[in-house]
Amino acid sequence: MVVISDPHIKVDPKYTLYSEAKEKGYFVKNISGQDFEGNCWPGVSSYLDFTNPDVREWYSSQFSFEKYKNSTNILFIWNDMNEPSVFGSCEGTMPKEAVHHQGWNHRDLHNLKCLRLTV
């Protein structure tokens, strides 16, 4: 089985992954301190802040073999769209002033986001 992983999460309070991440404060913020929302494949989405070590640990736990009940023992993960991609935005990504863990602006971390997703 190949599981595709997009690091943006559909904004939907009924979606367990979204509601859990929101409750924990795991999304990148906009300049006003609210969760940044942009458009991507699922529609309006929020973006996990992989510069936060707690987010990385939580997100990686979502891919533990135990989460895939009755699956084959051959399981692969495809990390996709980890640039991060925001459809319809000026530069195709989140705004440079989006705020990450410890107050870093996106302009300073854009190229590290992909790395932090996989490490």
PDB file of N, CA and C in Angstrom:
ATOM      1  N   MET A   1       0.840  -1.156   0.000  1.00  0.00           N
ATOM      2  CA  MET A   1       0.000   0.000   0.000  1.00  0.00           C
ATOM      3  C   MET A   1       0.898   1.236   0.000  1.00  0.00           C
ATOM      4  N   VAL A   2       0.511   2.251  -0.767  1.00  0.00           N
ATOM      5  CA  VAL A   2       1.217   3.528  -0.782  1.00  0.00           C
ATOM      6  C   VAL A   2       0.257   4.594  -0.273  1.00  0.00           C
ATOM      7  N   VAL A   3       0.644   5.259   0.803  1.00  0.00           N
ATOM      8  CA  VAL A   3      -0.160   6.328   1.386  1.00  0.00           C
ATOM      9  C   VAL A   3       0.436   7.647   0.941  1.00  0.00           C
ATOM     10  N   ILE A   4      -0.371   8.505   0.319  1.00  0.00           N
ATOM     11  CA  ILE A   4       0.119   9.816  -0.093  1.00  0.00           C
ATOM     12  C   ILE A   4      -0.118  10.794   1.053  1.00  0.00           C
ATOM     13  N   SER A   5       0.889  11.575   1.350  1.00  0.00           N
ATOM     14  CA  SER A   5       0.844  12.515   2.459  1.00  0.00           C
ATOM     15  C   SER A   5       1.023  13.930   1.934  1.00  0.00           C
ATOM     16  N   ASP A   6      -0.021  14.726   2.060  1.00  0.00           N
ATOM     17  CA  ASP A   6       0.070  16.150   1.750  1.00  0.00           C
ATOM     18  C   ASP A   6       0.070  16.897   3.081  1.00  0.00           C
ATOM     19  N   PRO A   7       1.019  17.793   3.322  1.00  0.00           N
ATOM     20  CA  PRO A   7       1.144  18.430   4.631  1.00  0.00           C
ATOM     21  C   PRO A   7       0.122  19.530   4.906  1.00  0.00           C
ATOM     22  N   HIS A   8      -0.770  19.784   3.968  1.00  0.00           N
ATOM     23  CA  HIS A   8      -1.874  20.703   4.234  1.00  0.00           C
ATOM     24  C   HIS A   8      -3.073  19.842   4.619  1.00  0.00           C
ATOM     25  N   ILE A   9      -3.884  20.353   5.515  1.00  0.00           N
ATOM     26  CA  ILE A   9      -5.005  19.575   6.031  1.00  0.00           C
ATOM     27  C   ILE A   9      -6.295  20.348   5.796  1.00  0.00           C
ATOM     28  N   LYS A  10      -7.268  19.676   5.224  1.00  0.00           N
ATOM     29  CA  LYS A  10      -8.558  20.299   4.937  1.00  0.00           C
ATOM     30  C   LYS A  10      -9.158  20.886   6.209  1.00  0.00           C
ATOM     31  N   VAL A  11      -9.591  22.146   6.119  1.00  0.00           N
ATOM     32  CA  VAL A  11     -10.265  22.790   7.243  1.00  0.00           C
ATOM     33  C   VAL A  11     -11.673  22.205   7.324  1.00  0.00           C
ATOM     34  N   ASP A  12     -11.860  21.347   8.317  1.00  0.00           N
ATOM     35  CA  ASP A  12     -13.151  20.692   8.521  1.00  0.00           C
ATOM     36  C   ASP A  12     -13.180  20.192   9.960  1.00  0.00           C
ATOM     37  N   PRO A  13     -13.941  20.856  10.831  1.00  0.00           N
ATOM     38  CA  PRO A  13     -13.985  20.453  12.243  1.00  0.00           C
ATOM     39  C   PRO A  13     -14.384  18.991  12.453  1.00  0.00           C
ATOM     40  N   LYS A  14     -15.031  18.373  11.476  1.00  0.00           N
ATOM     41  CA  LYS A  14     -15.423  16.964  11.606  1.00  0.00           C
ATOM     42  C   LYS A  14     -14.289  16.013  11.221  1.00  0.00           C
ATOM     43  N   TYR A  15     -13.240  16.545  10.634  1.00  0.00           N
ATOM     44  CA  TYR A  15     -12.088  15.740  10.215  1.00  0.00           C
ATOM     45  C   TYR A  15     -11.158  15.597  11.419  1.00  0.00           C
ATOM     46  N   THR A  16     -10.995  14.388  11.904  1.00  0.00           N
ATOM     47  CA  THR A  16     -10.246  14.134  13.139  1.00  0.00           C
ATOM     48  C   THR A  16      -8.834  14.696  13.089  1.00  0.00           C
ATOM     49  N   LEU A  17      -8.131  14.486  11.993  1.00  0.00           N
ATOM     50  CA  LEU A  17      -6.758  14.978  11.879  1.00  0.00           C
ATOM     51  C   LEU A  17      -6.719  16.500  12.031  1.00  0.00           C
ATOM     52  N   TYR A  18      -7.637  17.192  11.362  1.00  0.00           N
ATOM     53  CA  TYR A  18      -7.703  18.655  11.450  1.00  0.00           C
ATOM     54  C   TYR A  18      -8.044  19.100  12.873  1.00  0.00           C
ATOM     55  N   SER A  19      -9.098  18.543  13.447  1.00  0.00           N
ATOM     56  CA  SER A  19      -9.537  19.013  14.764  1.00  0.00           C
ATOM     57  C   SER A  19      -8.485  18.757  15.836  1.00  0.00           C
ATOM     58  N   GLU A  20      -7.781  17.643  15.742  1.00  0.00           N
ATOM     59  CA  GLU A  20      -6.724  17.352  16.717  1.00  0.00           C
ATOM     60  C   GLU A  20      -5.553  18.323  16.560  1.00  0.00           C
ATOM     61  N   ALA A  21      -5.129  18.570  15.332  1.00  0.00           N
ATOM     62  CA  ALA A  21      -4.019  19.507  15.097  1.00  0.00           C
ATOM     63  C   ALA A  21      -4.400  20.919  15.520  1.00  0.00           C
ATOM     64  N   LYS A  22      -5.628  21.323  15.252  1.00  0.00           N
ATOM     65  CA  LYS A  22      -6.089  22.661  15.637  1.00  0.00           C
ATOM     66  C   LYS A  22      -6.099  22.804  17.154  1.00  0.00           C
ATOM     67  N   GLU A  23      -6.632  21.797  17.831  1.00  0.00           N
ATOM     68  CA  GLU A  23      -6.697  21.818  19.292  1.00  0.00           C
ATOM     69  C   GLU A  23      -5.303  21.942  19.907  1.00  0.00           C
ATOM     70  N   LYS A  24      -4.323  21.313  19.293  1.00  0.00           N
ATOM     71  CA  LYS A  24      -2.955  21.347  19.809  1.00  0.00           C
ATOM     72  C   LYS A  24      -2.192  22.605  19.377  1.00  0.00           C
ATOM     73  N   GLY A  25      -2.779  23.407  18.477  1.00  0.00           N
ATOM     74  CA  GLY A  25      -2.108  24.622  18.008  1.00  0.00           C
ATOM     75  C   GLY A  25      -0.967  24.335  17.054  1.00  0.00           C
ATOM     76  N   TYR A  26      -1.120  23.324  16.206  1.00  0.00           N
ATOM     77  CA  TYR A  26      -0.027  22.849  15.365  1.00  0.00           C
ATOM     78  C   TYR A  26       0.057  23.488  13.982  1.00  0.00           C
ATOM     79  N   PHE A  27      -0.795  24.464  13.675  1.00  0.00           N
ATOM     80  CA  PHE A  27      -0.776  25.063  12.344  1.00  0.00           C
ATOM     81  C   PHE A  27       0.053  26.343  12.295  1.00  0.00           C
ATOM     82  N   VAL A  28       0.607  26.625  11.120  1.00  0.00           N
ATOM     83  CA  VAL A  28       1.268  27.906  10.854  1.00  0.00           C
ATOM     84  C   VAL A  28       0.215  28.994  11.035  1.00  0.00           C
ATOM     85  N   LYS A  29       0.618  30.130  11.567  1.00  0.00           N
ATOM     86  CA  LYS A  29      -0.298  31.240  11.835  1.00  0.00           C
ATOM     87  C   LYS A  29      -0.154  32.334  10.785  1.00  0.00           C
ATOM     88  N   ASN A  30      -1.224  33.113  10.626  1.00  0.00           N
ATOM     89  CA  ASN A  30      -1.114  34.305   9.786  1.00  0.00           C
ATOM     90  C   ASN A  30      -0.594  35.450  10.653  1.00  0.00           C
ATOM     91  N   ILE A  31      -0.417  36.598  10.071  1.00  0.00           N
ATOM     92  CA  ILE A  31       0.170  37.732  10.791  1.00  0.00           C
ATOM     93  C   ILE A  31      -0.701  38.186  11.963  1.00  0.00           C
ATOM     94  N   SER A  32      -2.004  37.837  11.930  1.00  0.00           N
ATOM     95  CA  SER A  32      -2.935  38.195  13.009  1.00  0.00           C
ATOM     96  C   SER A  32      -2.951  37.161  14.130  1.00  0.00           C
ATOM     97  N   GLY A  33      -2.196  36.079  13.970  1.00  0.00           N
ATOM     98  CA  GLY A  33      -2.136  35.044  15.000  1.00  0.00           C
ATOM     99  C   GLY A  33      -3.172  33.941  14.850  1.00  0.00           C
ATOM    100  N   GLN A  34      -3.968  33.998  13.784  1.00  0.00           N
ATOM    101  CA  GLN A  34      -4.944  32.942  13.501  1.00  0.00           C
ATOM    102  C   GLN A  34      -4.275  31.870  12.635  1.00  0.00           C
ATOM    103  N   ASP A  35      -4.859  30.686  12.611  1.00  0.00           N
ATOM    104  CA  ASP A  35      -4.321  29.641  11.734  1.00  0.00           C
ATOM    105  C   ASP A  35      -4.353  30.133  10.291  1.00  0.00           C
ATOM    106  N   PHE A  36      -3.217  30.004   9.607  1.00  0.00           N
ATOM    107  CA  PHE A  36      -3.170  30.382   8.195  1.00  0.00           C
ATOM    108  C   PHE A  36      -4.019  29.397   7.403  1.00  0.00           C
ATOM    109  N   GLU A  37      -4.831  29.918   6.497  1.00  0.00           N
ATOM    110  CA  GLU A  37      -5.638  29.082   5.617  1.00  0.00           C
ATOM    111  C   GLU A  37      -5.354  29.455   4.176  1.00  0.00           C
ATOM    112  N   GLY A  38      -5.180  28.451   3.351  1.00  0.00           N
ATOM    113  CA  GLY A  38      -4.957  28.645   1.927  1.00  0.00           C
ATOM    114  C   GLY A  38      -5.666  27.548   1.162  1.00  0.00           C
ATOM    115  N   ASN A  39      -5.690  27.661  -0.135  1.00  0.00           N
ATOM    116  CA  ASN A  39      -6.358  26.657  -0.965  1.00  0.00           C
ATOM    117  C   ASN A  39      -5.348  25.685  -1.555  1.00  0.00           C
ATOM    118  N   CYS A  40      -5.698  24.403  -1.473  1.00  0.00           N
ATOM    119  CA  CYS A  40      -4.905  23.362  -2.109  1.00  0.00           C
ATOM    120  C   CYS A  40      -5.864  22.255  -2.524  1.00  0.00           C
ATOM    121  N   TRP A  41      -5.384  21.071  -2.809  1.00  0.00           N
ATOM    122  CA  TRP A  41      -6.222  20.006  -3.363  1.00  0.00           C
ATOM    123  C   TRP A  41      -7.529  19.780  -2.618  1.00  0.00           C
ATOM    124  N   PRO A  42      -7.550  19.721  -1.283  1.00  0.00           N
ATOM    125  CA  PRO A  42      -8.836  19.443  -0.625  1.00  0.00           C
ATOM    126  C   PRO A  42      -9.742  20.667  -0.498  1.00  0.00           C
ATOM    127  N   GLY A  43      -9.280  21.831  -0.933  1.00  0.00           N
ATOM    128  CA  GLY A  43     -10.030  23.077  -0.741  1.00  0.00           C
ATOM    129  C   GLY A  43      -9.324  23.918   0.311  1.00  0.00           C
ATOM    130  N   VAL A  44     -10.094  24.647   1.120  1.00  0.00           N
ATOM    131  CA  VAL A  44      -9.492  25.482   2.162  1.00  0.00           C
ATOM    132  C   VAL A  44      -8.749  24.571   3.135  1.00  0.00           C
ATOM    133  N   SER A  45      -7.476  24.893   3.358  1.00  0.00           N
ATOM    134  CA  SER A  45      -6.605  24.030   4.157  1.00  0.00           C
ATOM    135  C   SER A  45      -5.782  24.850   5.131  1.00  0.00           C
ATOM    136  N   SER A  46      -5.363  24.209   6.208  1.00  0.00           N
ATOM    137  CA  SER A  46      -4.370  24.771   7.118  1.00  0.00           C
ATOM    138  C   SER A  46      -3.098  23.948   6.965  1.00  0.00           C
ATOM    139  N   TYR A  47      -1.979  24.534   7.367  1.00  0.00           N
ATOM    140  CA  TYR A  47      -0.670  23.943   7.089  1.00  0.00           C
ATOM    141  C   TYR A  47       0.062  23.665   8.400  1.00  0.00           C
ATOM    142  N   LEU A  48       0.450  22.420   8.583  1.00  0.00           N
ATOM    143  CA  LEU A  48       1.171  22.044   9.797  1.00  0.00           C
ATOM    144  C   LEU A  48       2.511  22.758   9.861  1.00  0.00           C
ATOM    145  N   ASP A  49       2.902  23.142  11.070  1.00  0.00           N
ATOM    146  CA  ASP A  49       4.158  23.862  11.287  1.00  0.00           C
ATOM    147  C   ASP A  49       5.251  22.871  11.661  1.00  0.00           C
ATOM    148  N   PHE A  50       5.935  22.364  10.654  1.00  0.00           N
ATOM    149  CA  PHE A  50       6.954  21.346  10.876  1.00  0.00           C
ATOM    150  C   PHE A  50       8.233  21.897  11.500  1.00  0.00           C
ATOM    151  N   THR A  51       8.298  23.199  11.760  1.00  0.00           N
ATOM    152  CA  THR A  51       9.443  23.728  12.500  1.00  0.00           C
ATOM    153  C   THR A  51       9.277  23.461  13.996  1.00  0.00           C
ATOM    154  N   ASN A  52       8.094  23.051  14.404  1.00  0.00           N
ATOM    155  CA  ASN A  52       7.808  22.723  15.798  1.00  0.00           C
ATOM    156  C   ASN A  52       8.072  21.229  16.001  1.00  0.00           C
ATOM    157  N   PRO A  53       9.004  20.867  16.886  1.00  0.00           N
ATOM    158  CA  PRO A  53       9.318  19.445  17.089  1.00  0.00           C
ATOM    159  C   PRO A  53       8.110  18.623  17.547  1.00  0.00           C
ATOM    160  N   ASP A  54       7.190  19.230  18.301  1.00  0.00           N
ATOM    161  CA  ASP A  54       5.991  18.504  18.733  1.00  0.00           C
ATOM    162  C   ASP A  54       5.113  18.134  17.537  1.00  0.00           C
ATOM    163  N   VAL A  55       5.045  19.019  16.550  1.00  0.00           N
ATOM    164  CA  VAL A  55       4.271  18.740  15.338  1.00  0.00           C
ATOM    165  C   VAL A  55       4.897  17.579  14.580  1.00  0.00           C
ATOM    166  N   ARG A  56       6.209  17.606  14.429  1.00  0.00           N
ATOM    167  CA  ARG A  56       6.887  16.526  13.703  1.00  0.00           C
ATOM    168  C   ARG A  56       6.656  15.175  14.376  1.00  0.00           C
ATOM    169  N   GLU A  57       6.740  15.154  15.693  1.00  0.00           N
ATOM    170  CA  GLU A  57       6.530  13.895  16.417  1.00  0.00           C
ATOM    171  C   GLU A  57       5.082  13.418  16.255  1.00  0.00           C
ATOM    172  N   TRP A  58       4.132  14.329  16.429  1.00  0.00           N
ATOM    173  CA  TRP A  58       2.714  13.983  16.288  1.00  0.00           C
ATOM    174  C   TRP A  58       2.406  13.498  14.872  1.00  0.00           C
ATOM    175  N   TYR A  59       2.893  14.232  13.872  1.00  0.00           N
ATOM    176  CA  TYR A  59       2.606  13.886  12.482  1.00  0.00           C
ATOM    177  C   TYR A  59       3.205  12.524  12.122  1.00  0.00           C
ATOM    178  N   SER A  60       4.423  12.282  12.548  1.00  0.00           N
ATOM    179  CA  SER A  60       5.041  10.989  12.225  1.00  0.00           C
ATOM    180  C   SER A  60       4.280   9.844  12.887  1.00  0.00           C
ATOM    181  N   SER A  61       3.694  10.097  14.055  1.00  0.00           N
ATOM    182  CA  SER A  61       2.920   9.043  14.722  1.00  0.00           C
ATOM    183  C   SER A  61       1.672   8.671  13.922  1.00  0.00           C
ATOM    184  N   GLN A  62       1.203   9.566  13.068  1.00  0.00           N
ATOM    185  CA  GLN A  62       0.031   9.281  12.236  1.00  0.00           C
ATOM    186  C   GLN A  62       0.338   8.209  11.184  1.00  0.00           C
ATOM    187  N   PHE A  63       1.618   7.951  10.963  1.00  0.00           N
ATOM    188  CA  PHE A  63       2.022   6.973   9.952  1.00  0.00           C
ATOM    189  C   PHE A  63       2.575   5.691  10.562  1.00  0.00           C
ATOM    190  N   SER A  64       2.351   5.501  11.846  1.00  0.00           N
ATOM    191  CA  SER A  64       2.811   4.256  12.454  1.00  0.00           C
ATOM    192  C   SER A  64       2.003   3.099  11.871  1.00  0.00           C
ATOM    193  N   PHE A  65       2.631   1.973  11.766  1.00  0.00           N
ATOM    194  CA  PHE A  65       1.998   0.810  11.144  1.00  0.00           C
ATOM    195  C   PHE A  65       0.678   0.457  11.831  1.00  0.00           C
ATOM    196  N   GLU A  66       0.597   0.707  13.134  1.00  0.00           N
ATOM    197  CA  GLU A  66      -0.604   0.379  13.899  1.00  0.00           C
ATOM    198  C   GLU A  66      -1.824   1.173  13.428  1.00  0.00           C
ATOM    199  N   LYS A  67      -1.610   2.305  12.781  1.00  0.00           N
ATOM    200  CA  LYS A  67      -2.720   3.132  12.275  1.00  0.00           C
ATOM    201  C   LYS A  67      -3.383   2.499  11.055  1.00  0.00           C
ATOM    202  N   TYR A  68      -2.741   1.524  10.454  1.00  0.00           N
ATOM    203  CA  TYR A  68      -3.245   0.912   9.224  1.00  0.00           C
ATOM    204  C   TYR A  68      -3.703  -0.514   9.500  1.00  0.00           C
ATOM    205  N   LYS A  69      -4.753  -0.626  10.275  1.00  0.00           N
ATOM    206  CA  LYS A  69      -5.306  -1.928  10.651  1.00  0.00           C
ATOM    207  C   LYS A  69      -5.664  -2.734   9.399  1.00  0.00           C
ATOM    208  N   ASN A  70      -5.386  -4.004   9.437  1.00  0.00           N
ATOM    209  CA  ASN A  70      -5.717  -4.939   8.351  1.00  0.00           C
ATOM    210  C   ASN A  70      -4.999  -4.622   7.045  1.00  0.00           C
ATOM    211  N   SER A  71      -3.921  -3.877   7.123  1.00  0.00           N
ATOM    212  CA  SER A  71      -3.144  -3.541   5.930  1.00  0.00           C
ATOM    213  C   SER A  71      -2.110  -4.630   5.671  1.00  0.00           C
ATOM    214  N   THR A  72      -1.584  -4.613   4.491  1.00  0.00           N
ATOM    215  CA  THR A  72      -0.458  -5.471   4.172  1.00  0.00           C
ATOM    216  C   THR A  72       0.744  -5.023   5.003  1.00  0.00           C
ATOM    217  N   ASN A  73       1.716  -5.888   5.182  1.00  0.00           N
ATOM    218  CA  ASN A  73       2.909  -5.481   5.930  1.00  0.00           C
ATOM    219  C   ASN A  73       3.893  -4.716   5.046  1.00  0.00           C
ATOM    220  N   ILE A  74       3.508  -4.448   3.821  1.00  0.00           N
ATOM    221  CA  ILE A  74       4.323  -3.631   2.919  1.00  0.00           C
ATOM    222  C   ILE A  74       3.621  -2.284   2.794  1.00  0.00           C
ATOM    223  N   LEU A  75       4.162  -1.287   3.456  1.00  0.00           N
ATOM    224  CA  LEU A  75       3.528   0.027   3.530  1.00  0.00           C
ATOM    225  C   LEU A  75       4.547   1.089   3.157  1.00  0.00           C
ATOM    226  N   PHE A  76       4.187   1.974   2.245  1.00  0.00           N
ATOM    227  CA  PHE A  76       5.073   3.042   1.791  1.00  0.00           C
ATOM    228  C   PHE A  76       4.372   4.381   1.964  1.00  0.00           C
ATOM    229  N   ILE A  77       5.154   5.423   2.196  1.00  0.00           N
ATOM    230  CA  ILE A  77       4.623   6.779   2.343  1.00  0.00           C
ATOM    231  C   ILE A  77       5.191   7.639   1.226  1.00  0.00           C
ATOM    232  N   TRP A  78       4.334   8.374   0.560  1.00  0.00           N
ATOM    233  CA  TRP A  78       4.725   9.300  -0.505  1.00  0.00           C
ATOM    234  C   TRP A  78       4.478  10.711   0.011  1.00  0.00           C
ATOM    235  N   ASN A  79       5.545  11.439   0.316  1.00  0.00           N
ATOM    236  CA  ASN A  79       5.422  12.839   0.729  1.00  0.00           C
ATOM    237  C   ASN A  79       5.232  13.690  -0.513  1.00  0.00           C
ATOM    238  N   ASP A  80       4.140  14.422  -0.565  1.00  0.00           N
ATOM    239  CA  ASP A  80       3.789  15.197  -1.748  1.00  0.00           C
ATOM    240  C   ASP A  80       3.450  16.627  -1.336  1.00  0.00           C
ATOM    241  N   MET A  81       3.609  17.540  -2.251  1.00  0.00           N
ATOM    242  CA  MET A  81       3.178  18.931  -2.070  1.00  0.00           C
ATOM    243  C   MET A  81       3.794  19.581  -0.826  1.00  0.00           C
ATOM    244  N   ASN A  82       5.001  19.241  -0.484  1.00  0.00           N
ATOM    245  CA  ASN A  82       5.589  19.741   0.760  1.00  0.00           C
ATOM    246  C   ASN A  82       6.359  21.043   0.592  1.00  0.00           C
ATOM    247  N   GLU A  83       6.076  21.811  -0.440  1.00  0.00           N
ATOM    248  CA  GLU A  83       6.829  23.039  -0.725  1.00  0.00           C
ATOM    249  C   GLU A  83       6.615  24.157   0.289  1.00  0.00           C
ATOM    250  N   PRO A  84       5.565  24.539   0.875  1.00  0.00           N
ATOM    251  CA  PRO A  84       4.170  24.143   0.748  1.00  0.00           C
ATOM    252  C   PRO A  84       3.480  24.865  -0.408  1.00  0.00           C
ATOM    253  N   SER A  85       2.506  24.235  -1.005  1.00  0.00           N
ATOM    254  CA  SER A  85       1.784  24.801  -2.145  1.00  0.00           C
ATOM    255  C   SER A  85       0.469  25.420  -1.688  1.00  0.00           C
ATOM    256  N   VAL A  86       0.228  26.629  -2.164  1.00  0.00           N
ATOM    257  CA  VAL A  86      -1.030  27.323  -1.898  1.00  0.00           C
ATOM    258  C   VAL A  86      -1.545  27.803  -3.249  1.00  0.00           C
ATOM    259  N   PHE A  87      -2.628  27.210  -3.712  1.00  0.00           N
ATOM    260  CA  PHE A  87      -3.179  27.568  -5.016  1.00  0.00           C
ATOM    261  C   PHE A  87      -3.727  28.995  -4.987  1.00  0.00           C
ATOM    262  N   GLY A  88      -3.526  29.714  -6.071  1.00  0.00           N
ATOM    263  CA  GLY A  88      -4.087  31.051  -6.215  1.00  0.00           C
ATOM    264  C   GLY A  88      -3.347  32.136  -5.462  1.00  0.00           C
ATOM    265  N   SER A  89      -2.254  31.794  -4.804  1.00  0.00           N
ATOM    266  CA  SER A  89      -1.484  32.819  -4.096  1.00  0.00           C
ATOM    267  C   SER A  89      -0.467  33.424  -5.060  1.00  0.00           C
ATOM    268  N   CYS A  90       0.027  34.575  -4.708  1.00  0.00           N
ATOM    269  CA  CYS A  90       0.937  35.318  -5.579  1.00  0.00           C
ATOM    270  C   CYS A  90       2.142  34.480  -6.011  1.00  0.00           C
ATOM    271  N   GLU A  91       2.772  33.806  -5.076  1.00  0.00           N
ATOM    272  CA  GLU A  91       3.986  33.045  -5.371  1.00  0.00           C
ATOM    273  C   GLU A  91       3.768  31.534  -5.342  1.00  0.00           C
ATOM    274  N   GLY A  92       2.515  31.105  -5.191  1.00  0.00           N
ATOM    275  CA  GLY A  92       2.225  29.674  -5.156  1.00  0.00           C
ATOM    276  C   GLY A  92       2.556  29.018  -3.836  1.00  0.00           C
ATOM    277  N   THR A  93       2.804  29.828  -2.817  1.00  0.00           N
ATOM    278  CA  THR A  93       3.130  29.315  -1.490  1.00  0.00           C
ATOM    279  C   THR A  93       2.488  30.230  -0.453  1.00  0.00           C
ATOM    280  N   MET A  94       2.721  29.961   0.821  1.00  0.00           N
ATOM    281  CA  MET A  94       2.116  30.814   1.847  1.00  0.00           C
ATOM    282  C   MET A  94       2.820  32.171   1.894  1.00  0.00           C
ATOM    283  N   PRO A  95       2.153  33.189   2.431  1.00  0.00           N
ATOM    284  CA  PRO A  95       2.746  34.525   2.479  1.00  0.00           C
ATOM    285  C   PRO A  95       4.059  34.540   3.263  1.00  0.00           C
ATOM    286  N   LYS A  96       4.938  35.398   2.862  1.00  0.00           N
ATOM    287  CA  LYS A  96       6.245  35.496   3.520  1.00  0.00           C
ATOM    288  C   LYS A  96       6.126  35.863   4.989  1.00  0.00           C
ATOM    289  N   GLU A  97       5.039  36.563   5.357  1.00  0.00           N
ATOM    290  CA  GLU A  97       4.887  36.986   6.752  1.00  0.00           C
ATOM    291  C   GLU A  97       4.137  35.963   7.615  1.00  0.00           C
ATOM    292  N   ALA A  98       3.781  34.800   7.052  1.00  0.00           N
ATOM    293  CA  ALA A  98       3.166  33.744   7.866  1.00  0.00           C
ATOM    294  C   ALA A  98       4.131  33.399   9.003  1.00  0.00           C
ATOM    295  N   VAL A  99       3.569  33.060  10.165  1.00  0.00           N
ATOM    296  CA  VAL A  99       4.380  32.900  11.376  1.00  0.00           C
ATOM    297  C   VAL A  99       4.487  31.423  11.768  1.00  0.00           C
ATOM    298  N   HIS A 100       5.732  30.994  11.947  1.00  0.00           N
ATOM    299  CA  HIS A 100       6.039  29.624  12.358  1.00  0.00           C
ATOM    300  C   HIS A 100       6.439  29.592  13.834  1.00  0.00           C
ATOM    301  N   HIS A 101       6.704  28.393  14.310  1.00  0.00           N
ATOM    302  CA  HIS A 101       7.141  28.144  15.689  1.00  0.00           C
ATOM    303  C   HIS A 101       8.243  29.124  16.096  1.00  0.00           C
ATOM    304  N   GLN A 102       8.160  29.620  17.298  1.00  0.00           N
ATOM    305  CA  GLN A 102       9.116  30.560  17.885  1.00  0.00           C
ATOM    306  C   GLN A 102       9.168  31.893  17.141  1.00  0.00           C
ATOM    307  N   GLY A 103       8.089  32.229  16.412  1.00  0.00           N
ATOM    308  CA  GLY A 103       7.977  33.542  15.797  1.00  0.00           C
ATOM    309  C   GLY A 103       8.691  33.742  14.475  1.00  0.00           C
ATOM    310  N   TRP A 104       9.216  32.692  13.896  1.00  0.00           N
ATOM    311  CA  TRP A 104       9.917  32.829  12.614  1.00  0.00           C
ATOM    312  C   TRP A 104       8.925  33.112  11.495  1.00  0.00           C
ATOM    313  N   ASN A 105       9.285  34.019  10.602  1.00  0.00           N
ATOM    314  CA  ASN A 105       8.464  34.288   9.420  1.00  0.00           C
ATOM    315  C   ASN A 105       8.753  33.254   8.338  1.00  0.00           C
ATOM    316  N   HIS A 106       7.746  33.014   7.521  1.00  0.00           N
ATOM    317  CA  HIS A 106       7.887  32.028   6.453  1.00  0.00           C
ATOM    318  C   HIS A 106       9.025  32.392   5.497  1.00  0.00           C
ATOM    319  N   ARG A 107       9.253  33.676   5.277  1.00  0.00           N
ATOM    320  CA  ARG A 107      10.332  34.092   4.350  1.00  0.00           C
ATOM    321  C   ARG A 107      11.679  33.536   4.798  1.00  0.00           C
ATOM    322  N   ASP A 108      11.841  33.334   6.096  1.00  0.00           N
ATOM    323  CA  ASP A 108      13.114  32.834   6.620  1.00  0.00           C
ATOM    324  C   ASP A 108      13.215  31.308   6.582  1.00  0.00           C
ATOM    325  N   LEU A 109      12.077  30.640   6.446  1.00  0.00           N
ATOM    326  CA  LEU A 109      12.063  29.183   6.606  1.00  0.00           C
ATOM    327  C   LEU A 109      11.548  28.406   5.404  1.00  0.00           C
ATOM    328  N   HIS A 110      11.139  29.079   4.359  1.00  0.00           N
ATOM    329  CA  HIS A 110      10.483  28.390   3.235  1.00  0.00           C
ATOM    330  C   HIS A 110      11.260  27.154   2.773  1.00  0.00           C
ATOM    331  N   ASN A 111      12.547  27.285   2.580  1.00  0.00           N
ATOM    332  CA  ASN A 111      13.336  26.166   2.060  1.00  0.00           C
ATOM    333  C   ASN A 111      13.586  25.073   3.092  1.00  0.00           C
ATOM    334  N   LEU A 112      13.371  25.365   4.362  1.00  0.00           N
ATOM    335  CA  LEU A 112      13.559  24.350   5.400  1.00  0.00           C
ATOM    336  C   LEU A 112      12.304  23.517   5.633  1.00  0.00           C
ATOM    337  N   LYS A 113      11.153  24.018   5.203  1.00  0.00           N
ATOM    338  CA  LYS A 113       9.891  23.333   5.495  1.00  0.00           C
ATOM    339  C   LYS A 113       9.890  21.900   4.965  1.00  0.00           C
ATOM    340  N   CYS A 114      10.359  21.691   3.755  1.00  0.00           N
ATOM    341  CA  CYS A 114      10.400  20.334   3.178  1.00  0.00           C
ATOM    342  C   CYS A 114      11.300  19.422   4.003  1.00  0.00           C
ATOM    343  N   LEU A 115      12.432  19.935   4.391  1.00  0.00           N
ATOM    344  CA  LEU A 115      13.371  19.150   5.191  1.00  0.00           C
ATOM    345  C   LEU A 115      12.747  18.766   6.525  1.00  0.00           C
ATOM    346  N   ARG A 116      12.108  19.712   7.186  1.00  0.00           N
ATOM    347  CA  ARG A 116      11.541  19.442   8.505  1.00  0.00           C
ATOM    348  C   ARG A 116      10.380  18.454   8.423  1.00  0.00           C
ATOM    349  N   LEU A 117       9.721  18.384   7.285  1.00  0.00           N
ATOM    350  CA  LEU A 117       8.640  17.411   7.105  1.00  0.00           C
ATOM    351  C   LEU A 117       9.187  15.991   7.136  1.00  0.00           C
ATOM    352  N   THR A 118      10.373  15.793   6.614  1.00  0.00           N
ATOM    353  CA  THR A 118      10.910  14.437   6.480  1.00  0.00           C
ATOM    354  C   THR A 118      11.857  14.033   7.597  1.00  0.00           C
ATOM    355  N   VAL A 119      12.307  14.962   8.397  1.00  0.00           N
ATOM    356  CA  VAL A 119      13.277  14.651   9.452  1.00  0.00           C
ATOM    357  C   VAL A 119      12.568  14.431  10.770  1.00  0.00           C
TER     358      VAL A 119
END
